Amino acid sequence: MRVKKNAPNRWIGSIFVWRGWLERGRYLDSLSLRMYSR
């Protein structure tokens, strides 16, 4: 199997994007919980 030169970079980039989305979701969840708990 041949691996492209920039394949690892794209993989790491996707991981960082996933982490960013998860963090954003957690932040929005905390905000919605704070609003509903009022």
PDB file of N, CA and C in Angstrom:
ATOM      1  N   MET A   1       0.834  -1.211   0.000  1.00  0.00           N
ATOM      2  CA  MET A   1       0.000   0.000   0.000  1.00  0.00           C
ATOM      3  C   MET A   1       0.865   1.256   0.000  1.00  0.00           C
ATOM      4  N   ARG A   2       0.533   2.152  -0.891  1.00  0.00           N
ATOM      5  CA  ARG A   2       1.307   3.408  -0.950  1.00  0.00           C
ATOM      6  C   ARG A   2       0.583   4.486  -0.172  1.00  0.00           C
ATOM      7  N   VAL A   3       1.334   5.235   0.612  1.00  0.00           N
ATOM      8  CA  VAL A   3       0.732   6.320   1.393  1.00  0.00           C
ATOM      9  C   VAL A   3       1.151   7.657   0.793  1.00  0.00           C
ATOM     10  N   LYS A   4       0.192   8.523   0.593  1.00  0.00           N
ATOM     11  CA  LYS A   4       0.528   9.839   0.027  1.00  0.00           C
ATOM     12  C   LYS A   4       1.376  10.635   0.998  1.00  0.00           C
ATOM     13  N   LYS A   5       2.070  11.613   0.464  1.00  0.00           N
ATOM     14  CA  LYS A   5       2.993  12.391   1.297  1.00  0.00           C
ATOM     15  C   LYS A   5       2.247  13.211   2.350  1.00  0.00           C
ATOM     16  N   ASN A   6       1.093  13.770   1.964  1.00  0.00           N
ATOM     17  CA  ASN A   6       0.380  14.638   2.895  1.00  0.00           C
ATOM     18  C   ASN A   6      -0.772  13.909   3.579  1.00  0.00           C
ATOM     19  N   ALA A   7      -0.797  12.581   3.524  1.00  0.00           N
ATOM     20  CA  ALA A   7      -1.885  11.839   4.158  1.00  0.00           C
ATOM     21  C   ALA A   7      -1.880  12.027   5.683  1.00  0.00           C
ATOM     22  N   PRO A   8      -0.727  11.872   6.364  1.00  0.00           N
ATOM     23  CA  PRO A   8      -0.704  12.045   7.825  1.00  0.00           C
ATOM     24  C   PRO A   8      -1.157  13.441   8.240  1.00  0.00           C
ATOM     25  N   ASN A   9      -0.746  14.462   7.469  1.00  0.00           N
ATOM     26  CA  ASN A   9      -1.147  15.827   7.825  1.00  0.00           C
ATOM     27  C   ASN A   9      -2.654  15.973   7.767  1.00  0.00           C
ATOM     28  N   ARG A  10      -3.263  15.419   6.703  1.00  0.00           N
ATOM     29  CA  ARG A  10      -4.713  15.516   6.576  1.00  0.00           C
ATOM     30  C   ARG A  10      -5.397  14.779   7.722  1.00  0.00           C
ATOM     31  N   TRP A  11      -4.826  13.613   8.114  1.00  0.00           N
ATOM     32  CA  TRP A  11      -5.382  12.819   9.208  1.00  0.00           C
ATOM     33  C   TRP A  11      -5.357  13.626  10.504  1.00  0.00           C
ATOM     34  N   ILE A  12      -4.204  14.226  10.818  1.00  0.00           N
ATOM     35  CA  ILE A  12      -4.083  15.031  12.042  1.00  0.00           C
ATOM     36  C   ILE A  12      -5.035  16.216  11.976  1.00  0.00           C
ATOM     37  N   GLY A  13      -5.154  16.826  10.803  1.00  0.00           N
ATOM     38  CA  GLY A  13      -6.064  17.966  10.662  1.00  0.00           C
ATOM     39  C   GLY A  13      -7.497  17.558  10.949  1.00  0.00           C
ATOM     40  N   SER A  14      -7.905  16.385  10.439  1.00  0.00           N
ATOM     41  CA  SER A  14      -9.274  15.930  10.675  1.00  0.00           C
ATOM     42  C   SER A  14      -9.497  15.667  12.158  1.00  0.00           C
ATOM     43  N   ILE A  15      -8.475  15.123  12.833  1.00  0.00           N
ATOM     44  CA  ILE A  15      -8.597  14.876  14.287  1.00  0.00           C
ATOM     45  C   ILE A  15      -8.800  16.199  15.012  1.00  0.00           C
ATOM     46  N   PHE A  16      -8.023  17.221  14.631  1.00  0.00           N
ATOM     47  CA  PHE A  16      -8.165  18.517  15.304  1.00  0.00           C
ATOM     48  C   PHE A  16      -9.543  19.109  15.039  1.00  0.00           C
ATOM     49  N   VAL A  17     -10.050  18.936  13.800  1.00  0.00           N
ATOM     50  CA  VAL A  17     -11.389  19.446  13.471  1.00  0.00           C
ATOM     51  C   VAL A  17     -12.438  18.735  14.319  1.00  0.00           C
ATOM     52  N   TRP A  18     -12.294  17.398  14.449  1.00  0.00           N
ATOM     53  CA  TRP A  18     -13.239  16.634  15.260  1.00  0.00           C
ATOM     54  C   TRP A  18     -13.206  17.124  16.701  1.00  0.00           C
ATOM     55  N   ARG A  19     -12.003  17.339  17.236  1.00  0.00           N
ATOM     56  CA  ARG A  19     -11.879  17.810  18.628  1.00  0.00           C
ATOM     57  C   ARG A  19     -12.541  19.165  18.781  1.00  0.00           C
ATOM     58  N   GLY A  20     -12.358  20.046  17.792  1.00  0.00           N
ATOM     59  CA  GLY A  20     -12.969  21.375  17.850  1.00  0.00           C
ATOM     60  C   GLY A  20     -14.490  21.271  17.868  1.00  0.00           C
ATOM     61  N   TRP A  21     -15.039  20.388  17.012  1.00  0.00           N
ATOM     62  CA  TRP A  21     -16.490  20.234  16.972  1.00  0.00           C
ATOM     63  C   TRP A  21     -17.001  19.681  18.292  1.00  0.00           C
ATOM     64  N   LEU A  22     -16.284  18.713  18.874  1.00  0.00           N
ATOM     65  CA  LEU A  22     -16.722  18.137  20.153  1.00  0.00           C
ATOM     66  C   LEU A  22     -16.708  19.198  21.244  1.00  0.00           C
ATOM     67  N   GLU A  23     -15.640  20.003  21.282  1.00  0.00           N
ATOM     68  CA  GLU A  23     -15.551  21.059  22.292  1.00  0.00           C
ATOM     69  C   GLU A  23     -16.689  22.059  22.114  1.00  0.00           C
ATOM     70  N   ARG A  24     -16.989  22.403  20.858  1.00  0.00           N
ATOM     71  CA  ARG A  24     -18.065  23.370  20.588  1.00  0.00           C
ATOM     72  C   ARG A  24     -19.409  22.789  21.030  1.00  0.00           C
ATOM     73  N   GLY A  25     -19.627  21.505  20.749  1.00  0.00           N
ATOM     74  CA  GLY A  25     -20.881  20.862  21.157  1.00  0.00           C
ATOM     75  C   GLY A  25     -21.025  20.857  22.667  1.00  0.00           C
ATOM     76  N   ARG A  26     -19.927  20.566  23.368  1.00  0.00           N
ATOM     77  CA  ARG A  26     -19.969  20.545  24.828  1.00  0.00           C
ATOM     78  C   ARG A  26     -20.291  21.948  25.353  1.00  0.00           C
ATOM     79  N   TYR A  27     -19.698  22.964  24.741  1.00  0.00           N
ATOM     80  CA  TYR A  27     -19.922  24.343  25.172  1.00  0.00           C
ATOM     81  C   TYR A  27     -21.384  24.726  24.948  1.00  0.00           C
ATOM     82  N   LEU A  28     -21.936  24.368  23.768  1.00  0.00           N
ATOM     83  CA  LEU A  28     -23.339  24.682  23.483  1.00  0.00           C
ATOM     84  C   LEU A  28     -24.248  23.920  24.443  1.00  0.00           C
ATOM     85  N   ASP A  29     -23.908  22.669  24.757  1.00  0.00           N
ATOM     86  CA  ASP A  29     -24.715  21.889  25.692  1.00  0.00           C
ATOM     87  C   ASP A  29     -24.748  22.564  27.051  1.00  0.00           C
ATOM     88  N   SER A  30     -23.599  23.045  27.517  1.00  0.00           N
ATOM     89  CA  SER A  30     -23.556  23.699  28.824  1.00  0.00           C
ATOM     90  C   SER A  30     -24.392  24.976  28.791  1.00  0.00           C
ATOM     91  N   LEU A  31     -24.344  25.701  27.667  1.00  0.00           N
ATOM     92  CA  LEU A  31     -25.130  26.938  27.560  1.00  0.00           C
ATOM     93  C   LEU A  31     -26.617  26.621  27.592  1.00  0.00           C
ATOM     94  N   SER A  32     -27.050  25.607  26.831  1.00  0.00           N
ATOM     95  CA  SER A  32     -28.465  25.248  26.797  1.00  0.00           C
ATOM     96  C   SER A  32     -28.912  24.766  28.176  1.00  0.00           C
ATOM     97  N   LEU A  33     -28.059  23.992  28.870  1.00  0.00           N
ATOM     98  CA  LEU A  33     -28.416  23.516  30.211  1.00  0.00           C
ATOM     99  C   LEU A  33     -28.586  24.704  31.152  1.00  0.00           C
ATOM    100  N   ARG A  34     -27.706  25.687  31.033  1.00  0.00           N
ATOM    101  CA  ARG A  34     -27.791  26.860  31.896  1.00  0.00           C
ATOM    102  C   ARG A  34     -29.097  27.621  31.633  1.00  0.00           C
ATOM    103  N   MET A  35     -29.490  27.700  30.351  1.00  0.00           N
ATOM    104  CA  MET A  35     -30.713  28.423  30.006  1.00  0.00           C
ATOM    105  C   MET A  35     -31.944  27.659  30.506  1.00  0.00           C
ATOM    106  N   TYR A  36     -31.917  26.322  30.357  1.00  0.00           N
ATOM    107  CA  TYR A  36     -33.086  25.531  30.762  1.00  0.00           C
ATOM    108  C   TYR A  36     -33.210  25.448  32.282  1.00  0.00           C
ATOM    109  N   SER A  37     -32.088  25.559  32.976  1.00  0.00           N
ATOM    110  CA  SER A  37     -32.133  25.413  34.438  1.00  0.00           C
ATOM    111  C   SER A  37     -32.706  26.663  35.095  1.00  0.00           C
ATOM    112  N   ARG A  38     -32.939  27.729  34.310  1.00  0.00           N
ATOM    113  CA  ARG A  38     -33.432  28.972  34.880  1.00  0.00           C
ATOM    114  C   ARG A  38     -34.842  28.815  35.423  1.00  0.00           C
TER     115      ARG A  38
END
